[in-house]
PDB file of N, CA and C in Angstrom:
ATOM      1  N   MET A   1     -38.068  13.780 -14.658  1.00  0.00           N
ATOM      2  CA  MET A   1     -38.969  12.780 -14.110  1.00  0.00           C
ATOM      3  C   MET A   1     -39.062  12.963 -12.592  1.00  0.00           C
ATOM      4  N   GLU A   2     -40.300  12.978 -12.083  1.00  0.00           N
ATOM      5  CA  GLU A   2     -40.512  13.162 -10.651  1.00  0.00           C
ATOM      6  C   GLU A   2     -40.148  11.897  -9.891  1.00  0.00           C
ATOM      7  N   GLU A   3     -39.393  12.073  -8.818  1.00  0.00           N
ATOM      8  CA  GLU A   3     -38.962  10.952  -7.996  1.00  0.00           C
ATOM      9  C   GLU A   3     -40.071  10.568  -7.017  1.00  0.00           C
ATOM     10  N   LYS A   4     -40.343   9.271  -6.903  1.00  0.00           N
ATOM     11  CA  LYS A   4     -41.336   8.799  -5.948  1.00  0.00           C
ATOM     12  C   LYS A   4     -40.697   8.756  -4.568  1.00  0.00           C
ATOM     13  N   ARG A   5     -41.389   9.305  -3.592  1.00  0.00           N
ATOM     14  CA  ARG A   5     -40.910   9.292  -2.219  1.00  0.00           C
ATOM     15  C   ARG A   5     -42.070   8.936  -1.300  1.00  0.00           C
ATOM     16  N   PHE A   6     -41.764   8.098  -0.349  1.00  0.00           N
ATOM     17  CA  PHE A   6     -42.760   7.729   0.649  1.00  0.00           C
ATOM     18  C   PHE A   6     -42.770   8.764   1.748  1.00  0.00           C
ATOM     19  N   ARG A   7     -43.950   9.225   2.107  1.00  0.00           N
ATOM     20  CA  ARG A   7     -44.106  10.160   3.215  1.00  0.00           C
ATOM     21  C   ARG A   7     -44.990   9.482   4.251  1.00  0.00           C
ATOM     22  N   ARG A   8     -44.416   9.183   5.410  1.00  0.00           N
ATOM     23  CA  ARG A   8     -45.168   8.523   6.474  1.00  0.00           C
ATOM     24  C   ARG A   8     -46.081   9.535   7.149  1.00  0.00           C
ATOM     25  N   VAL A   9     -47.389   9.263   7.083  1.00  0.00           N
ATOM     26  CA  VAL A   9     -48.392  10.129   7.685  1.00  0.00           C
ATOM     27  C   VAL A   9     -49.230   9.270   8.633  1.00  0.00           C
ATOM     28  N   ILE A  10     -49.175   9.578   9.927  1.00  0.00           N
ATOM     29  CA  ILE A  10     -49.944   8.821  10.911  1.00  0.00           C
ATOM     30  C   ILE A  10     -51.302   9.491  11.061  1.00  0.00           C
ATOM     31  N   GLU A  11     -52.355   8.784  10.626  1.00  0.00           N
ATOM     32  CA  GLU A  11     -53.707   9.319  10.682  1.00  0.00           C
ATOM     33  C   GLU A  11     -54.675   8.221  11.104  1.00  0.00           C
ATOM     34  N   ASN A  12     -55.618   8.561  11.947  1.00  0.00           N
ATOM     35  CA  ASN A  12     -56.747   7.694  12.246  1.00  0.00           C
ATOM     36  C   ASN A  12     -57.879   8.124  11.325  1.00  0.00           C
ATOM     37  N   PHE A  13     -58.768   7.199  10.977  1.00  0.00           N
ATOM     38  CA  PHE A  13     -59.861   7.553  10.075  1.00  0.00           C
ATOM     39  C   PHE A  13     -61.030   6.599  10.249  1.00  0.00           C
ATOM     40  N   PHE A  14     -62.167   7.004   9.728  1.00  0.00           N
ATOM     41  CA  PHE A  14     -63.332   6.134   9.640  1.00  0.00           C
ATOM     42  C   PHE A  14     -63.424   5.668   8.201  1.00  0.00           C
ATOM     43  N   CYS A  15     -63.594   4.372   7.997  1.00  0.00           N
ATOM     44  CA  CYS A  15     -63.679   3.802   6.654  1.00  0.00           C
ATOM     45  C   CYS A  15     -64.870   4.400   5.899  1.00  0.00           C
ATOM     46  N   VAL A  16     -64.630   4.783   4.652  1.00  0.00           N
ATOM     47  CA  VAL A  16     -65.689   5.359   3.821  1.00  0.00           C
ATOM     48  C   VAL A  16     -66.728   4.315   3.418  1.00  0.00           C
ATOM     49  N   HIS A  17     -66.378   3.034   3.516  1.00  0.00           N
ATOM     50  CA  HIS A  17     -67.308   1.972   3.109  1.00  0.00           C
ATOM     51  C   HIS A  17     -68.090   1.404   4.292  1.00  0.00           C
ATOM     52  N   CYS A  18     -67.393   0.915   5.306  1.00  0.00           N
ATOM     53  CA  CYS A  18     -68.063   0.216   6.413  1.00  0.00           C
ATOM     54  C   CYS A  18     -68.136   1.037   7.694  1.00  0.00           C
ATOM     55  N   ARG A  19     -67.528   2.223   7.704  1.00  0.00           N
ATOM     56  CA  ARG A  19     -67.525   3.157   8.839  1.00  0.00           C
ATOM     57  C   ARG A  19     -66.737   2.659  10.048  1.00  0.00           C
ATOM     58  N   GLU A  20     -65.929   1.611   9.877  1.00  0.00           N
ATOM     59  CA  GLU A  20     -65.055   1.111  10.947  1.00  0.00           C
ATOM     60  C   GLU A  20     -64.060   2.202  11.323  1.00  0.00           C
ATOM     61  N   GLU A  21     -63.809   2.358  12.620  1.00  0.00           N
ATOM     62  CA  GLU A  21     -62.779   3.298  13.071  1.00  0.00           C
ATOM     63  C   GLU A  21     -61.427   2.605  12.935  1.00  0.00           C
ATOM     64  N   VAL A  22     -60.507   3.237  12.225  1.00  0.00           N
ATOM     65  CA  VAL A  22     -59.198   2.647  11.941  1.00  0.00           C
ATOM     66  C   VAL A  22     -58.114   3.491  12.604  1.00  0.00           C
ATOM     67  N   ARG A  23     -57.259   2.828  13.368  1.00  0.00           N
ATOM     68  CA  ARG A  23     -56.115   3.488  14.013  1.00  0.00           C
ATOM     69  C   ARG A  23     -54.916   3.353  13.077  1.00  0.00           C
ATOM     70  N   GLY A  24     -54.449   4.459  12.549  1.00  0.00           N
ATOM     71  CA  GLY A  24     -53.335   4.442  11.615  1.00  0.00           C
ATOM     72  C   GLY A  24     -51.999   4.343  12.318  1.00  0.00           C
ATOM     73  N   ASP A  25     -51.008   3.788  11.603  1.00  0.00           N
ATOM     74  CA  ASP A  25     -49.662   3.680  12.159  1.00  0.00           C
ATOM     75  C   ASP A  25     -48.618   4.348  11.263  1.00  0.00           C
ATOM     76  N   GLY A  26     -49.077   5.060  10.263  1.00  0.00           N
ATOM     77  CA  GLY A  26     -48.157   5.704   9.327  1.00  0.00           C
ATOM     78  C   GLY A  26     -47.947   4.879   8.070  1.00  0.00           C
ATOM     79  N   TYR A  27     -48.369   3.631   8.112  1.00  0.00           N
ATOM     80  CA  TYR A  27     -48.294   2.760   6.938  1.00  0.00           C
ATOM     81  C   TYR A  27     -49.687   2.275   6.549  1.00  0.00           C
ATOM     82  N   THR A  28     -50.681   2.573   7.370  1.00  0.00           N
ATOM     83  CA  THR A  28     -52.053   2.126   7.132  1.00  0.00           C
ATOM     84  C   THR A  28     -52.623   2.835   5.919  1.00  0.00           C
ATOM     85  N   ASN A  29     -53.088   2.072   4.931  1.00  0.00           N
ATOM     86  CA  ASN A  29     -53.672   2.708   3.748  1.00  0.00           C
ATOM     87  C   ASN A  29     -55.028   2.123   3.377  1.00  0.00           C
ATOM     88  N   HIS A  30     -55.568   1.257   4.235  1.00  0.00           N
ATOM     89  CA  HIS A  30     -56.888   0.701   3.964  1.00  0.00           C
ATOM     90  C   HIS A  30     -57.504   0.206   5.264  1.00  0.00           C
ATOM     91  N   CYS A  31     -58.795  -0.022   5.206  1.00  0.00           N
ATOM     92  CA  CYS A  31     -59.543  -0.506   6.360  1.00  0.00           C
ATOM     93  C   CYS A  31     -59.259  -1.990   6.562  1.00  0.00           C
ATOM     94  N   PRO A  32     -58.882  -2.410   7.761  1.00  0.00           N
ATOM     95  CA  PRO A  32     -58.604  -3.824   7.992  1.00  0.00           C
ATOM     96  C   PRO A  32     -59.861  -4.695   8.018  1.00  0.00           C
ATOM     97  N   ALA A  33     -61.032  -4.093   8.185  1.00  0.00           N
ATOM     98  CA  ALA A  33     -62.280  -4.863   8.230  1.00  0.00           C
ATOM     99  C   ALA A  33     -62.786  -5.212   6.831  1.00  0.00           C
ATOM    100  N   CYS A  34     -62.869  -4.221   5.946  1.00  0.00           N
ATOM    101  CA  CYS A  34     -63.429  -4.470   4.602  1.00  0.00           C
ATOM    102  C   CYS A  34     -62.398  -4.298   3.491  1.00  0.00           C
ATOM    103  N   LEU A  35     -61.190  -3.873   3.830  1.00  0.00           N
ATOM    104  CA  LEU A  35     -60.047  -3.706   2.923  1.00  0.00           C
ATOM    105  C   LEU A  35     -60.175  -2.519   1.969  1.00  0.00           C
ATOM    106  N   THR A  36     -61.170  -1.654   2.162  1.00  0.00           N
ATOM    107  CA  THR A  36     -61.361  -0.496   1.286  1.00  0.00           C
ATOM    108  C   THR A  36     -60.330   0.589   1.595  1.00  0.00           C
ATOM    109  N   SER A  37     -59.821   1.209   0.536  1.00  0.00           N
ATOM    110  CA  SER A  37     -58.878   2.310   0.638  1.00  0.00           C
ATOM    111  C   SER A  37     -59.563   3.575   0.128  1.00  0.00           C
ATOM    112  N   LEU A  38     -58.823   4.658   0.029  1.00  0.00           N
ATOM    113  CA  LEU A  38     -59.342   5.920  -0.483  1.00  0.00           C
ATOM    114  C   LEU A  38     -58.275   6.513  -1.395  1.00  0.00           C
ATOM    115  N   HIS A  39     -58.691   6.992  -2.558  1.00  0.00           N
ATOM    116  CA  HIS A  39     -57.744   7.532  -3.539  1.00  0.00           C
ATOM    117  C   HIS A  39     -57.360   8.960  -3.147  1.00  0.00           C
ATOM    118  N   VAL A  40     -56.353   9.083  -2.274  1.00  0.00           N
ATOM    119  CA  VAL A  40     -55.896  10.394  -1.804  1.00  0.00           C
ATOM    120  C   VAL A  40     -54.439  10.688  -2.165  1.00  0.00           C
ATOM    121  N   ASP A  41     -53.675   9.672  -2.547  1.00  0.00           N
ATOM    122  CA  ASP A  41     -52.245   9.860  -2.823  1.00  0.00           C
ATOM    123  C   ASP A  41     -51.899   9.634  -4.288  1.00  0.00           C
ATOM    124  N   ILE A  42     -50.928  10.393  -4.761  1.00  0.00           N
ATOM    125  CA  ILE A  42     -50.270  10.075  -6.027  1.00  0.00           C
ATOM    126  C   ILE A  42     -49.076   9.191  -5.697  1.00  0.00           C
ATOM    127  N   ASN A  43     -48.244   9.658  -4.766  1.00  0.00           N
ATOM    128  CA  ASN A  43     -47.166   8.858  -4.195  1.00  0.00           C
ATOM    129  C   ASN A  43     -47.533   8.619  -2.738  1.00  0.00           C
ATOM    130  N   PRO A  44     -47.194   7.456  -2.191  1.00  0.00           N
ATOM    131  CA  PRO A  44     -47.634   7.113  -0.837  1.00  0.00           C
ATOM    132  C   PRO A  44     -47.390   8.214   0.196  1.00  0.00           C
ATOM    133  N   GLY A  45     -48.482   8.662   0.826  1.00  0.00           N
ATOM    134  CA  GLY A  45     -48.408   9.647   1.884  1.00  0.00           C
ATOM    135  C   GLY A  45     -48.444  11.104   1.459  1.00  0.00           C
ATOM    136  N   ASP A  46     -48.476  11.388   0.153  1.00  0.00           N
ATOM    137  CA  ASP A  46     -48.393  12.796  -0.258  1.00  0.00           C
ATOM    138  C   ASP A  46     -49.738  13.533  -0.253  1.00  0.00           C
ATOM    139  N   ARG A  47     -50.837  12.817  -0.217  1.00  0.00           N
ATOM    140  CA  ARG A  47     -52.201  13.382  -0.207  1.00  0.00           C
ATOM    141  C   ARG A  47     -52.418  14.356  -1.372  1.00  0.00           C
ATOM    142  N   ALA A  48     -51.791  14.057  -2.513  1.00  0.00           N
ATOM    143  CA  ALA A  48     -51.836  14.952  -3.674  1.00  0.00           C
ATOM    144  C   ALA A  48     -52.856  14.557  -4.739  1.00  0.00           C
ATOM    145  N   ALA A  49     -53.515  13.410  -4.597  1.00  0.00           N
ATOM    146  CA  ALA A  49     -54.521  13.012  -5.587  1.00  0.00           C
ATOM    147  C   ALA A  49     -55.767  13.864  -5.410  1.00  0.00           C
ATOM    148  N   GLU A  50     -56.355  14.282  -6.493  1.00  0.00           N
ATOM    149  CA  GLU A  50     -57.560  15.098  -6.442  1.00  0.00           C
ATOM    150  C   GLU A  50     -58.827  14.255  -6.503  1.00  0.00           C
ATOM    151  N   CYS A  51     -58.694  12.977  -6.741  1.00  0.00           N
ATOM    152  CA  CYS A  51     -59.835  12.090  -6.946  1.00  0.00           C
ATOM    153  C   CYS A  51     -60.674  11.940  -5.670  1.00  0.00           C
ATOM    154  N   ASP A  52     -60.083  11.427  -4.597  1.00  0.00           N
ATOM    155  CA  ASP A  52     -60.736  11.276  -3.294  1.00  0.00           C
ATOM    156  C   ASP A  52     -61.940  10.322  -3.310  1.00  0.00           C
ATOM    157  N   TRP A  53     -61.940   9.350  -4.201  1.00  0.00           N
ATOM    158  CA  TRP A  53     -63.018   8.353  -4.270  1.00  0.00           C
ATOM    159  C   TRP A  53     -62.592   7.080  -3.536  1.00  0.00           C
ATOM    160  N   PRO A  54     -63.563   6.254  -3.129  1.00  0.00           N
ATOM    161  CA  PRO A  54     -63.243   4.957  -2.516  1.00  0.00           C
ATOM    162  C   PRO A  54     -62.515   4.041  -3.505  1.00  0.00           C
ATOM    163  N   MET A  55     -61.624   3.226  -2.945  1.00  0.00           N
ATOM    164  CA  MET A  55     -60.890   2.235  -3.727  1.00  0.00           C
ATOM    165  C   MET A  55     -61.117   0.863  -3.080  1.00  0.00           C
ATOM    166  N   PRO A  56     -62.180   0.167  -3.478  1.00  0.00           N
ATOM    167  CA  PRO A  56     -62.406  -1.154  -2.892  1.00  0.00           C
ATOM    168  C   PRO A  56     -61.326  -2.144  -3.314  1.00  0.00           C
ATOM    169  N   ALA A  57     -61.123  -3.131  -2.480  1.00  0.00           N
ATOM    170  CA  ALA A  57     -60.220  -4.229  -2.821  1.00  0.00           C
ATOM    171  C   ALA A  57     -60.925  -5.092  -3.864  1.00  0.00           C
ATOM    172  N   VAL A  58     -60.236  -5.392  -4.957  1.00  0.00           N
ATOM    173  CA  VAL A  58     -60.852  -6.189  -6.016  1.00  0.00           C
ATOM    174  C   VAL A  58     -60.159  -7.535  -6.208  1.00  0.00           C
ATOM    175  N   GLN A  59     -58.963  -7.683  -5.622  1.00  0.00           N
ATOM    176  CA  GLN A  59     -58.213  -8.922  -5.814  1.00  0.00           C
ATOM    177  C   GLN A  59     -57.127  -9.015  -4.739  1.00  0.00           C
ATOM    178  N   VAL A  60     -56.810 -10.227  -4.345  1.00  0.00           N
ATOM    179  CA  VAL A  60     -55.718 -10.485  -3.407  1.00  0.00           C
ATOM    180  C   VAL A  60     -54.876 -11.603  -3.990  1.00  0.00           C
ATOM    181  N   ARG A  61     -53.572 -11.479  -3.853  1.00  0.00           N
ATOM    182  CA  ARG A  61     -52.679 -12.560  -4.284  1.00  0.00           C
ATOM    183  C   ARG A  61     -51.565 -12.721  -3.266  1.00  0.00           C
ATOM    184  N   ARG A  62     -50.940 -13.865  -3.305  1.00  0.00           N
ATOM    185  CA  ARG A  62     -49.781 -14.110  -2.442  1.00  0.00           C
ATOM    186  C   ARG A  62     -48.534 -13.635  -3.171  1.00  0.00           C
ATOM    187  N   ASP A  63     -47.694 -12.960  -2.431  1.00  0.00           N
ATOM    188  CA  ASP A  63     -46.410 -12.517  -2.950  1.00  0.00           C
ATOM    189  C   ASP A  63     -45.376 -13.111  -2.009  1.00  0.00           C
ATOM    190  N   GLY A  64     -44.503 -13.953  -2.524  1.00  0.00           N
ATOM    191  CA  GLY A  64     -43.561 -14.679  -1.692  1.00  0.00           C
ATOM    192  C   GLY A  64     -42.852 -13.864  -0.638  1.00  0.00           C
ATOM    193  N   LYS A  65     -42.361 -12.697  -0.994  1.00  0.00           N
ATOM    194  CA  LYS A  65     -41.608 -11.870  -0.063  1.00  0.00           C
ATOM    195  C   LYS A  65     -42.506 -11.003   0.811  1.00  0.00           C
ATOM    196  N   ARG A  66     -43.637 -10.596   0.291  1.00  0.00           N
ATOM    197  CA  ARG A  66     -44.469  -9.605   0.968  1.00  0.00           C
ATOM    198  C   ARG A  66     -45.715 -10.196   1.619  1.00  0.00           C
ATOM    199  N   GLY A  67     -45.924 -11.494   1.539  1.00  0.00           N
ATOM    200  CA  GLY A  67     -47.153 -12.088   2.072  1.00  0.00           C
ATOM    201  C   GLY A  67     -48.299 -11.841   1.116  1.00  0.00           C
ATOM    202  N   PHE A  68     -49.425 -11.388   1.616  1.00  0.00           N
ATOM    203  CA  PHE A  68     -50.567 -11.055   0.767  1.00  0.00           C
ATOM    204  C   PHE A  68     -50.445  -9.624   0.278  1.00  0.00           C
ATOM    205  N   VAL A  69     -50.846  -9.392  -0.965  1.00  0.00           N
ATOM    206  CA  VAL A  69     -50.962  -8.039  -1.501  1.00  0.00           C
ATOM    207  C   VAL A  69     -52.371  -7.879  -2.056  1.00  0.00           C
ATOM    208  N   ILE A  70     -52.880  -6.661  -1.930  1.00  0.00           N
ATOM    209  CA  ILE A  70     -54.260  -6.349  -2.270  1.00  0.00           C
ATOM    210  C   ILE A  70     -54.281  -5.366  -3.428  1.00  0.00           C
ATOM    211  N   LEU A  71     -55.099  -5.661  -4.443  1.00  0.00           N
ATOM    212  CA  LEU A  71     -55.290  -4.722  -5.546  1.00  0.00           C
ATOM    213  C   LEU A  71     -56.515  -3.870  -5.239  1.00  0.00           C
ATOM    214  N   HIS A  72     -56.301  -2.556  -5.165  1.00  0.00           N
ATOM    215  CA  HIS A  72     -57.381  -1.598  -4.973  1.00  0.00           C
ATOM    216  C   HIS A  72     -57.647  -0.900  -6.300  1.00  0.00           C
ATOM    217  N   ARG A  73     -58.936  -0.708  -6.623  1.00  0.00           N
ATOM    218  CA  ARG A  73     -59.321  -0.007  -7.861  1.00  0.00           C
ATOM    219  C   ARG A  73     -60.244   1.155  -7.487  1.00  0.00           C
ATOM    220  N   CYS A  74     -59.901   2.351  -7.941  1.00  0.00           N
ATOM    221  CA  CYS A  74     -60.668   3.548  -7.637  1.00  0.00           C
ATOM    222  C   CYS A  74     -62.018   3.536  -8.349  1.00  0.00           C
ATOM    223  N   ASP A  75     -63.088   3.773  -7.583  1.00  0.00           N
ATOM    224  CA  ASP A  75     -64.436   3.852  -8.153  1.00  0.00           C
ATOM    225  C   ASP A  75     -64.629   5.108  -8.994  1.00  0.00           C
ATOM    226  N   GLY A  76     -63.790   6.124  -8.799  1.00  0.00           N
ATOM    227  CA  GLY A  76     -63.941   7.374  -9.535  1.00  0.00           C
ATOM    228  C   GLY A  76     -63.219   7.399 -10.862  1.00  0.00           C
ATOM    229  N   CYS A  77     -61.937   7.024 -10.852  1.00  0.00           N
ATOM    230  CA  CYS A  77     -61.121   7.171 -12.069  1.00  0.00           C
ATOM    231  C   CYS A  77     -60.560   5.851 -12.596  1.00  0.00           C
ATOM    232  N   GLY A  78     -60.725   4.763 -11.838  1.00  0.00           N
ATOM    233  CA  GLY A  78     -60.236   3.465 -12.292  1.00  0.00           C
ATOM    234  C   GLY A  78     -58.777   3.184 -11.968  1.00  0.00           C
ATOM    235  N   HIS A  79     -58.089   4.116 -11.329  1.00  0.00           N
ATOM    236  CA  HIS A  79     -56.681   3.912 -10.961  1.00  0.00           C
ATOM    237  C   HIS A  79     -56.551   2.638 -10.122  1.00  0.00           C
ATOM    238  N   GLU A  80     -55.523   1.848 -10.388  1.00  0.00           N
ATOM    239  CA  GLU A  80     -55.283   0.621  -9.627  1.00  0.00           C
ATOM    240  C   GLU A  80     -53.945   0.699  -8.916  1.00  0.00           C
ATOM    241  N   LYS A  81     -53.902   0.132  -7.712  1.00  0.00           N
ATOM    242  CA  LYS A  81     -52.679   0.149  -6.903  1.00  0.00           C
ATOM    243  C   LYS A  81     -52.620  -1.108  -6.058  1.00  0.00           C
ATOM    244  N   TRP A  82     -51.469  -1.797  -6.068  1.00  0.00           N
ATOM    245  CA  TRP A  82     -51.228  -2.950  -5.198  1.00  0.00           C
ATOM    246  C   TRP A  82     -50.673  -2.446  -3.880  1.00  0.00           C
ATOM    247  N   ASN A  83     -51.190  -2.985  -2.780  1.00  0.00           N
ATOM    248  CA  ASN A  83     -50.735  -2.623  -1.439  1.00  0.00           C
ATOM    249  C   ASN A  83     -50.548  -3.877  -0.608  1.00  0.00           C
ATOM    250  N   ARG A  84     -49.608  -3.828   0.298  1.00  0.00           N
ATOM    251  CA  ARG A  84     -49.392  -4.952   1.210  1.00  0.00           C
ATOM    252  C   ARG A  84     -50.560  -5.112   2.159  1.00  0.00           C
ATOM    253  N   ALA A  85     -50.916  -6.353   2.432  1.00  0.00           N
ATOM    254  CA  ALA A  85     -51.901  -6.634   3.473  1.00  0.00           C
ATOM    255  C   ALA A  85     -51.213  -6.445   4.816  1.00  0.00           C
ATOM    256  N   ALA A  86     -51.993  -6.081   5.822  1.00  0.00           N
ATOM    257  CA  ALA A  86     -51.467  -5.872   7.170  1.00  0.00           C
ATOM    258  C   ALA A  86     -51.861  -7.051   8.054  1.00  0.00           C
ATOM    259  N   GLU A  87     -51.131  -7.237   9.133  1.00  0.00           N
ATOM    260  CA  GLU A  87     -51.412  -8.323  10.081  1.00  0.00           C
ATOM    261  C   GLU A  87     -52.847  -8.282  10.575  1.00  0.00           C
ATOM    262  N   GLN A  88     -53.384  -7.091  10.798  1.00  0.00           N
ATOM    263  CA  GLN A  88     -54.720  -6.970  11.359  1.00  0.00           C
ATOM    264  C   GLN A  88     -55.839  -7.078  10.325  1.00  0.00           C
ATOM    265  N   ASP A  89     -55.518  -7.252   9.040  1.00  0.00           N
ATOM    266  CA  ASP A  89     -56.546  -7.370   8.006  1.00  0.00           C
ATOM    267  C   ASP A  89     -57.392  -8.624   8.201  1.00  0.00           C
ATOM    268  N   ASP A  90     -58.677  -8.478   7.956  1.00  0.00           N
ATOM    269  CA  ASP A  90     -59.632  -9.567   8.097  1.00  0.00           C
ATOM    270  C   ASP A  90     -59.267 -10.710   7.145  1.00  0.00           C
ATOM    271  N   ARG A  91     -58.932 -11.854   7.710  1.00  0.00           N
ATOM    272  CA  ARG A  91     -58.485 -13.007   6.914  1.00  0.00           C
ATOM    273  C   ARG A  91     -59.594 -13.561   6.024  1.00  0.00           C
ATOM    274  N   ALA A  92     -60.847 -13.474   6.462  1.00  0.00           N
ATOM    275  CA  ALA A  92     -61.957 -13.947   5.635  1.00  0.00           C
ATOM    276  C   ALA A  92     -62.093 -13.065   4.388  1.00  0.00           C
ATOM    277  N   GLU A  93     -61.922 -11.747   4.550  1.00  0.00           N
ATOM    278  CA  GLU A  93     -61.987 -10.827   3.399  1.00  0.00           C
ATOM    279  C   GLU A  93     -60.818 -11.089   2.444  1.00  0.00           C
ATOM    280  N   LEU A  94     -59.635 -11.295   2.985  1.00  0.00           N
ATOM    281  CA  LEU A  94     -58.481 -11.612   2.129  1.00  0.00           C
ATOM    282  C   LEU A  94     -58.730 -12.894   1.361  1.00  0.00           C
ATOM    283  N   SER A  95     -59.219 -13.928   2.034  1.00  0.00           N
ATOM    284  CA  SER A  95     -59.481 -15.223   1.397  1.00  0.00           C
ATOM    285  C   SER A  95     -60.542 -15.107   0.308  1.00  0.00           C
ATOM    286  N   ARG A  96     -61.565 -14.300   0.561  1.00  0.00           N
ATOM    287  CA  ARG A  96     -62.666 -14.140  -0.405  1.00  0.00           C
ATOM    288  C   ARG A  96     -62.160 -13.585  -1.735  1.00  0.00           C
ATOM    289  N   LEU A  97     -61.130 -12.745  -1.706  1.00  0.00           N
ATOM    290  CA  LEU A  97     -60.619 -12.100  -2.922  1.00  0.00           C
ATOM    291  C   LEU A  97     -59.357 -12.761  -3.469  1.00  0.00           C
ATOM    292  N   LEU A  98     -58.902 -13.823  -2.820  1.00  0.00           N
ATOM    293  CA  LEU A  98     -57.656 -14.483  -3.209  1.00  0.00           C
ATOM    294  C   LEU A  98     -57.790 -15.136  -4.578  1.00  0.00           C
ATOM    295  N   ILE A  99     -56.814 -14.871  -5.452  1.00  0.00           N
ATOM    296  CA  ILE A  99     -56.825 -15.502  -6.782  1.00  0.00           C
ATOM    297  C   ILE A  99     -55.839 -16.662  -6.812  1.00  0.00           C
TER     298      ILE A  99
END
């Protein structure tokens, strides 16, 4: 069984959905303006996914220990992944998707 390992990759990027310029910190995995991610990883930071499709945020929930968490769903293959919300994430977007 393959062991999951986090690989911190510091990258800046332009959001594939809203074109916002995003300054990465090595933990950034989605756009703070529209919350869209990109399906590039199998394990966090490995850039091993072949899909490379947008992963819009489809749901937000509160997690007692982690604050808000965001469910991203890939438009290409349907893969779903929960990710922590960041301090700089747009609160109106988080609220709009809150269950």
